[in-house]
Protein backbone atom coordinates (compact mmCIF):
# COMPACT_ATOMS: atom_id res chain seq x y z
CA MET A 1 44.66 87.77 152.93
CA SER A 2 44.12 85.96 156.00
CA LEU A 3 42.27 87.53 159.18
CA LEU A 4 43.91 87.60 162.42
CA SER A 5 41.89 86.43 165.50
CA CYS A 6 43.14 87.65 168.97
CA LYS A 7 42.15 86.79 172.41
CA LYS A 8 43.20 88.99 175.69
CA LEU A 9 43.49 87.31 178.85
CA ASN A 10 43.94 88.84 182.33
CA LEU A 11 45.48 87.50 185.44
CA ILE A 12 43.83 88.49 188.59
CA GLY A 13 44.89 87.75 192.28
CA VAL A 14 47.98 88.38 194.46
CA GLY A 15 51.30 87.24 192.93
CA PHE A 16 49.88 85.83 189.51
CA ARG A 17 52.26 86.17 186.96
CA VAL A 18 52.99 85.21 183.49
CA SER A 19 56.14 85.42 181.41
CA THR A 20 57.56 83.87 178.20
CA LEU A 21 60.87 81.82 178.26
CA LYS A 22 62.49 80.95 174.38
CA ILE A 23 64.63 77.64 174.55
CA ALA A 24 66.07 76.92 171.75
CA CYS A 25 63.36 76.76 169.03
CA LEU A 26 60.53 76.35 171.28
CA THR A 27 58.37 79.21 173.10
CA LEU A 28 57.36 78.48 176.92
CA LEU A 29 55.04 80.37 178.82
CA HIS A 30 55.84 80.42 182.54
CA PHE A 31 52.92 80.77 185.02
CA LYS A 32 52.83 81.53 188.79
CA LEU A 33 49.41 80.84 190.26
CA GLY A 34 49.44 80.52 193.58
CA TYR A 35 50.05 76.77 193.18
CA SER A 36 53.22 75.16 194.86
CA HIS A 37 54.72 74.68 191.58
CA TYR A 38 55.05 76.56 188.29
CA VAL A 39 52.92 75.64 185.64
CA TYR A 40 54.66 75.79 181.79
CA PHE A 41 52.96 75.94 178.75
CA LYS A 42 54.34 75.16 175.32
CA VAL A 43 53.40 77.88 172.64
CA PRO A 44 52.37 76.06 169.33
CA LYS A 45 54.16 77.36 166.11
CA ASN A 46 51.17 79.12 164.63
CA LEU A 47 50.27 81.13 167.36
CA GLU A 48 51.96 84.44 168.42
CA ILE A 49 51.50 84.88 172.38
CA PHE A 50 52.80 88.35 173.74
CA CYS A 51 52.99 88.96 177.78
CA LEU A 52 52.04 92.81 177.64
CA LYS A 53 52.48 93.05 181.48
CA ALA A 54 53.11 90.68 184.31
CA ASN A 55 49.23 89.77 184.27
CA LYS A 56 47.90 90.45 180.88
CA LEU A 57 48.49 87.90 177.83
CA PHE A 58 47.36 88.75 174.19
CA LEU A 59 46.97 85.75 171.90
CA LEU A 60 46.97 86.07 167.86
CA GLY A 61 46.52 83.68 165.50
CA ASP A 62 45.13 82.57 161.96
CA SER A 63 42.49 80.32 162.93
CA TYR A 64 39.79 81.88 165.05
CA LEU A 65 38.60 78.08 166.31
CA PHE A 66 42.15 77.59 167.37
CA VAL A 67 42.90 81.04 169.23
CA THR A 68 39.99 80.29 171.32
CA LYS A 69 40.47 76.69 172.32
CA VAL A 70 44.19 77.71 173.31
CA ALA A 71 42.67 80.66 175.26
CA ALA A 72 40.05 78.15 177.26
CA LEU A 73 43.10 75.77 177.82
CA ILE A 74 45.42 78.47 179.38
CA ARG A 75 42.31 79.67 181.41
CA SER A 76 41.90 76.05 182.50
CA PHE A 77 45.01 76.34 184.50
CA LYS A 78 42.96 78.57 186.95
CA ILE A 79 39.31 78.81 186.45
CA PRO A 80 37.85 82.41 187.82
CA GLU A 81 36.50 81.51 191.28
CA PRO A 82 32.76 83.00 192.00
CA TYR A 83 33.77 84.41 195.91
CA LYS A 84 37.01 86.62 195.32
CA GLY A 85 37.10 86.50 191.45
CA LYS A 86 40.73 85.30 191.34
CA GLY A 87 42.02 83.23 188.36
CA ILE A 88 42.36 83.78 184.28
CA LEU A 89 39.78 85.92 182.87
CA TYR A 90 39.19 87.22 179.12
CA THR A 91 39.10 91.15 179.46
CA THR A 92 35.55 91.12 178.39
CA GLU A 93 34.09 88.67 181.32
CA LYS A 94 32.49 90.01 184.13
CA ILE A 95 32.69 87.86 186.97
CA ILE A 96 29.38 88.06 189.43
CA LEU A 97 30.96 87.65 192.74
CA LYS A 98 28.89 85.39 195.22
CA GLU A 99 28.04 86.24 198.67
CA GLY A 100 30.01 84.66 201.23
CA LYS A 101 28.92 82.74 204.70
CA LYS A 102 27.08 84.93 207.23
CA ALA A 103 27.63 84.29 211.07
């Protein structure tokens, strides 16, 4: 019996979206993250990824270490910034916002 490990990611920001693309035998994640280009990520064979909504990702796999590494790699595409809190976050993560400049 193998235990499944899972990670949940949220995309927070106006226009931040993710969708899955199936091309022949491979699966791609298509990200819109506010850059001038799209970001694509090839999903490994031993990992299941579901897009629950346009801004929620669910990663499922056998190895906890592998799922965590892939989640960290996906999160590195748009690390949460401390002033507005936009970026890719884990669902359990809380961002403490910094105070902006004062005039």
